[in-house]
Each structure stands twice: as C-alpha cells, then as structure tokens.
C-alpha cells in the first residue's frame, strides 16, 4: 500500500484503490519510469489487454524483487486510436508482450523498435482478440 500512496502523492492524476493504480495512458512512461528508478520496481511481470467495446484496458504488473512487493497499473486507450507509449526501453521484457498485444488486439506501442506480428503471419487481416473481429472461415 505504501507504493500506491507514494505514487498518488507523486502524481496527482493517479487514482488508487481496489488493489491497483489507474494512470492516464499519456502518463504511463512518466509513472513507470518513477516506479522503476525511485521505488525499485525492477521487473515487469506481465502486460495484458482486454476489449471493453469503446476502449481497450491495459494492465501491467510490476515487481520489486528486493522488497518482494508488486504493483498493478491499469490504463486504457480509446478504440478509435489505440496507441500508448512502449515500455520496452524501460523493461526489455515488455518487447514480446507488447508485440503479442499489438498482433492480437491491434494496440500500437509508440517507440517500440520492432513492433510487428509475433503470433500471426504478416498477411493476416485484423486482430482476433477484439470483440468486433469477424473470422472469414
């Protein structure tokens, strides 16, 4: 809980409660860099995304290995422009996870050095984990 309190004091736009911190997507880099460099969250455990019709929800789990604590970060991007800054320059472990989310959900990770499909082939049309995906079979 201390990290959630410190994060919301450091950044007035962060909302905390219910076991996670809600961060506006445009501030994801600033907050996660602070969490790594100032709060010691040195390991990105996972990134996941889900389709909520008008927006996509992204959830990040970060670990402080020394303190054995974790923090859950939630943010969302609008369906009409699904893009967010890449965390792959902060945590190399974000590389494949962001590529998978791009491939299956169509969320663009700005600044990612190798953002291309990782599960499906290059000619595949659409993003099969979106609710509006229409299979052609």
C-alpha atoms as a PDB file:
ATOM      1  CA  UNK A   1       0.000   0.000   0.000  1.00  0.00           C
ATOM      2  CA  UNK A   2       2.887   2.367   0.651  1.00  0.00           C
ATOM      3  CA  UNK A   3       3.837   2.406  -3.033  1.00  0.00           C
ATOM      4  CA  UNK A   4       0.280   3.183  -4.119  1.00  0.00           C
ATOM      5  CA  UNK A   5       0.178   6.098  -1.653  1.00  0.00           C
ATOM      6  CA  UNK A   6       3.593   7.376  -2.764  1.00  0.00           C
ATOM      7  CA  UNK A   7       2.603   7.106  -6.419  1.00  0.00           C
ATOM      8  CA  UNK A   8      -0.612   9.087  -5.939  1.00  0.00           C
ATOM      9  CA  UNK A   9       1.277  11.753  -3.947  1.00  0.00           C
ATOM     10  CA  UNK A  10       3.978  11.999  -6.608  1.00  0.00           C
ATOM     11  CA  UNK A  11       1.494  12.263  -9.497  1.00  0.00           C
ATOM     12  CA  UNK A  12      -1.824  13.994  -8.804  1.00  0.00           C
ATOM     13  CA  UNK A  13      -3.542  12.344 -11.783  1.00  0.00           C
ATOM     14  CA  UNK A  14      -3.017   8.802 -10.401  1.00  0.00           C
ATOM     15  CA  UNK A  15      -6.075   7.238  -8.785  1.00  0.00           C
ATOM     16  CA  UNK A  16      -5.567   4.347  -6.396  1.00  0.00           C
ATOM     17  CA  UNK A  17      -7.857   1.881  -4.692  1.00  0.00           C
ATOM     18  CA  UNK A  18      -9.160  -1.669  -5.032  1.00  0.00           C
ATOM     19  CA  UNK A  19      -5.611  -3.036  -5.337  1.00  0.00           C
ATOM     20  CA  UNK A  20      -4.436  -1.120  -8.399  1.00  0.00           C
ATOM     21  CA  UNK A  21      -3.365   2.321  -9.625  1.00  0.00           C
ATOM     22  CA  UNK A  22      -5.274   3.926 -12.508  1.00  0.00           C
ATOM     23  CA  UNK A  23      -2.973   6.021 -14.706  1.00  0.00           C
ATOM     24  CA  UNK A  24      -3.962   8.051 -17.787  1.00  0.00           C
ATOM     25  CA  UNK A  25      -2.374   6.437 -20.846  1.00  0.00           C
ATOM     26  CA  UNK A  26      -0.485   9.617 -21.765  1.00  0.00           C
ATOM     27  CA  UNK A  27       1.365   9.394 -18.416  1.00  0.00           C
ATOM     28  CA  UNK A  28       2.367   5.717 -18.485  1.00  0.00           C
ATOM     29  CA  UNK A  29       6.049   6.385 -19.221  1.00  0.00           C
ATOM     30  CA  UNK A  30       6.462   9.027 -16.535  1.00  0.00           C
ATOM     31  CA  UNK A  31       4.867   6.863 -13.841  1.00  0.00           C
ATOM     32  CA  UNK A  32       6.570   3.600 -14.736  1.00  0.00           C
ATOM     33  CA  UNK A  33       9.992   5.251 -15.004  1.00  0.00           C
ATOM     34  CA  UNK A  34       9.431   6.666 -11.498  1.00  0.00           C
ATOM     35  CA  UNK A  35       8.335   3.255 -10.221  1.00  0.00           C
ATOM     36  CA  UNK A  36      11.496   1.649 -11.589  1.00  0.00           C
ATOM     37  CA  UNK A  37      14.028   4.343 -10.720  1.00  0.00           C
ATOM     38  CA  UNK A  38      12.638   5.697  -7.443  1.00  0.00           C
ATOM     39  CA  UNK A  39      10.502   2.910  -5.990  1.00  0.00           C
ATOM     40  CA  UNK A  40      12.624  -0.056  -7.078  1.00  0.00           C
ATOM     41  CA  UNK A  41      10.127  -1.916  -9.290  1.00  0.00           C
ATOM     42  CA  UNK A  42      12.780  -3.598 -11.374  1.00  0.00           C
ATOM     43  CA  UNK A  43      10.794  -6.396 -13.007  1.00  0.00           C
ATOM     44  CA  UNK A  44       7.863  -6.216 -15.411  1.00  0.00           C
ATOM     45  CA  UNK A  45       5.942  -9.425 -14.748  1.00  0.00           C
ATOM     46  CA  UNK A  46       3.219  -9.019 -17.354  1.00  0.00           C
ATOM     47  CA  UNK A  47       1.153  -6.819 -19.614  1.00  0.00           C
ATOM     48  CA  UNK A  48      -2.310  -7.827 -20.711  1.00  0.00           C
ATOM     49  CA  UNK A  49      -5.114  -6.148 -22.617  1.00  0.00           C
ATOM     50  CA  UNK A  50      -8.866  -6.624 -22.890  1.00  0.00           C
ATOM     51  CA  UNK A  51     -11.544  -5.231 -25.171  1.00  0.00           C
ATOM     52  CA  UNK A  52     -14.248  -3.137 -23.486  1.00  0.00           C
ATOM     53  CA  UNK A  53     -16.022  -2.067 -26.692  1.00  0.00           C
ATOM     54  CA  UNK A  54     -15.348   1.695 -26.603  1.00  0.00           C
ATOM     55  CA  UNK A  55     -11.838   1.285 -25.155  1.00  0.00           C
ATOM     56  CA  UNK A  56      -9.073  -1.223 -24.515  1.00  0.00           C
ATOM     57  CA  UNK A  57      -7.928  -1.794 -20.951  1.00  0.00           C
ATOM     58  CA  UNK A  58      -4.233  -2.493 -20.346  1.00  0.00           C
ATOM     59  CA  UNK A  59      -2.983  -3.970 -17.082  1.00  0.00           C
ATOM     60  CA  UNK A  60       0.683  -4.012 -16.055  1.00  0.00           C
ATOM     61  CA  UNK A  61       2.099  -5.930 -13.081  1.00  0.00           C
ATOM     62  CA  UNK A  62       5.445  -4.706 -11.768  1.00  0.00           C
ATOM     63  CA  UNK A  63       7.592  -6.425  -9.130  1.00  0.00           C
ATOM     64  CA  UNK A  64      10.086  -5.033  -6.637  1.00  0.00           C
ATOM     65  CA  UNK A  65      12.301  -8.097  -6.312  1.00  0.00           C
ATOM     66  CA  UNK A  66      14.181  -6.844  -3.232  1.00  0.00           C
ATOM     67  CA  UNK A  67      11.064  -5.932  -1.224  1.00  0.00           C
ATOM     68  CA  UNK A  68       9.030  -8.811  -2.704  1.00  0.00           C
ATOM     69  CA  UNK A  69       6.127  -6.499  -3.493  1.00  0.00           C
ATOM     70  CA  UNK A  70       4.092  -5.930  -6.608  1.00  0.00           C
ATOM     71  CA  UNK A  71       2.007  -3.122  -8.002  1.00  0.00           C
ATOM     72  CA  UNK A  72      -0.768  -3.320 -10.566  1.00  0.00           C
ATOM     73  CA  UNK A  73      -1.175  -0.473 -13.034  1.00  0.00           C
ATOM     74  CA  UNK A  74      -4.309  -0.009 -15.144  1.00  0.00           C
ATOM     75  CA  UNK A  75      -4.774   2.313 -18.063  1.00  0.00           C
ATOM     76  CA  UNK A  76      -6.960   2.461 -21.148  1.00  0.00           C
ATOM     77  CA  UNK A  77      -6.732   3.607 -24.735  1.00  0.00           C
ATOM     78  CA  UNK A  78      -9.650   4.596 -26.967  1.00  0.00           C
ATOM     79  CA  UNK A  79     -10.804   2.119 -29.605  1.00  0.00           C
ATOM     80  CA  UNK A  80     -10.655   4.767 -32.366  1.00  0.00           C
ATOM     81  CA  UNK A  81      -6.927   5.434 -31.700  1.00  0.00           C
ATOM     82  CA  UNK A  82      -5.493   2.502 -29.749  1.00  0.00           C
ATOM     83  CA  UNK A  83      -1.946   3.589 -29.006  1.00  0.00           C
ATOM     84  CA  UNK A  84       0.257   4.017 -25.949  1.00  0.00           C
ATOM     85  CA  UNK A  85       3.954   4.551 -25.270  1.00  0.00           C
ATOM     86  CA  UNK A  86       6.082   1.411 -25.263  1.00  0.00           C
ATOM     87  CA  UNK A  87       7.766   0.331 -22.034  1.00  0.00           C
ATOM     88  CA  UNK A  88      10.317  -1.787 -23.903  1.00  0.00           C
ATOM     89  CA  UNK A  89      13.021   0.843 -23.355  1.00  0.00           C
ATOM     90  CA  UNK A  90      12.458   0.628 -19.587  1.00  0.00           C
ATOM     91  CA  UNK A  91      11.978  -3.149 -19.304  1.00  0.00           C
ATOM     92  CA  UNK A  92      13.234  -5.358 -22.143  1.00  0.00           C
ATOM     93  CA  UNK A  93      10.651  -7.931 -21.031  1.00  0.00           C
ATOM     94  CA  UNK A  94       7.953  -5.674 -22.496  1.00  0.00           C
ATOM     95  CA  UNK A  95       9.217  -6.381 -26.025  1.00  0.00           C
ATOM     96  CA  UNK A  96       7.418  -9.658 -26.821  1.00  0.00           C
ATOM     97  CA  UNK A  97       4.407  -8.870 -24.631  1.00  0.00           C
ATOM     98  CA  UNK A  98       3.734  -5.604 -26.477  1.00  0.00           C
ATOM     99  CA  UNK A  99       4.185  -7.357 -29.820  1.00  0.00           C
ATOM    100  CA  UNK A 100       1.658 -10.028 -28.827  1.00  0.00           C
ATOM    101  CA  UNK A 101      -0.884  -7.390 -27.751  1.00  0.00           C
ATOM    102  CA  UNK A 102      -0.285  -5.472 -30.990  1.00  0.00           C
ATOM    103  CA  UNK A 103      -0.765  -8.644 -33.013  1.00  0.00           C
ATOM    104  CA  UNK A 104      -3.915  -9.911 -31.307  1.00  0.00           C
ATOM    105  CA  UNK A 105      -5.577  -6.637 -30.185  1.00  0.00           C
ATOM    106  CA  UNK A 106      -4.200  -4.011 -32.581  1.00  0.00           C
ATOM    107  CA  UNK A 107      -2.864  -1.666 -29.897  1.00  0.00           C
ATOM    108  CA  UNK A 108       0.121   0.316 -31.193  1.00  0.00           C
ATOM    109  CA  UNK A 109       3.044   0.766 -28.790  1.00  0.00           C
ATOM    110  CA  UNK A 110       4.716   4.026 -29.776  1.00  0.00           C
ATOM    111  CA  UNK A 111       8.505   3.916 -29.709  1.00  0.00           C
ATOM    112  CA  UNK A 112       8.721   0.127 -29.874  1.00  0.00           C
ATOM    113  CA  UNK A 113      11.748  -0.714 -32.025  1.00  0.00           C
ATOM    114  CA  UNK A 114      10.349  -3.906 -33.584  1.00  0.00           C
ATOM    115  CA  UNK A 115       6.553  -3.681 -33.489  1.00  0.00           C
ATOM    116  CA  UNK A 116       5.400  -6.410 -35.840  1.00  0.00           C
ATOM    117  CA  UNK A 117       3.266  -9.525 -35.641  1.00  0.00           C
ATOM    118  CA  UNK A 118       4.608 -12.264 -33.397  1.00  0.00           C
ATOM    119  CA  UNK A 119       1.824 -14.895 -33.360  1.00  0.00           C
ATOM    120  CA  UNK A 120       0.070 -14.477 -36.725  1.00  0.00           C
ATOM    121  CA  UNK A 121       1.565 -14.164 -40.199  1.00  0.00           C
ATOM    122  CA  UNK A 122       2.215 -10.803 -41.851  1.00  0.00           C
ATOM    123  CA  UNK A 123      -0.694 -11.012 -44.288  1.00  0.00           C
ATOM    124  CA  UNK A 124      -3.296 -11.808 -41.623  1.00  0.00           C
ATOM    125  CA  UNK A 125      -6.123  -9.256 -41.593  1.00  0.00           C
ATOM    126  CA  UNK A 126      -7.486  -7.979 -38.313  1.00  0.00           C
ATOM    127  CA  UNK A 127      -6.864  -8.697 -34.663  1.00  0.00           C
ATOM    128  CA  UNK A 128      -8.621 -11.852 -33.411  1.00  0.00           C
ATOM    129  CA  UNK A 129      -8.963 -10.946 -29.726  1.00  0.00           C
ATOM    130  CA  UNK A 130     -11.076  -7.884 -30.465  1.00  0.00           C
ATOM    131  CA  UNK A 131     -14.787  -8.240 -29.894  1.00  0.00           C
ATOM    132  CA  UNK A 132     -15.510  -6.910 -33.389  1.00  0.00           C
ATOM    133  CA  UNK A 133     -13.237  -9.438 -35.153  1.00  0.00           C
ATOM    134  CA  UNK A 134     -15.002 -11.326 -37.939  1.00  0.00           C
ATOM    135  CA  UNK A 135     -13.494 -14.668 -38.854  1.00  0.00           C
ATOM    136  CA  UNK A 136     -13.617 -15.321 -42.601  1.00  0.00           C
ATOM    137  CA  UNK A 137     -13.783 -19.112 -42.300  1.00  0.00           C
END
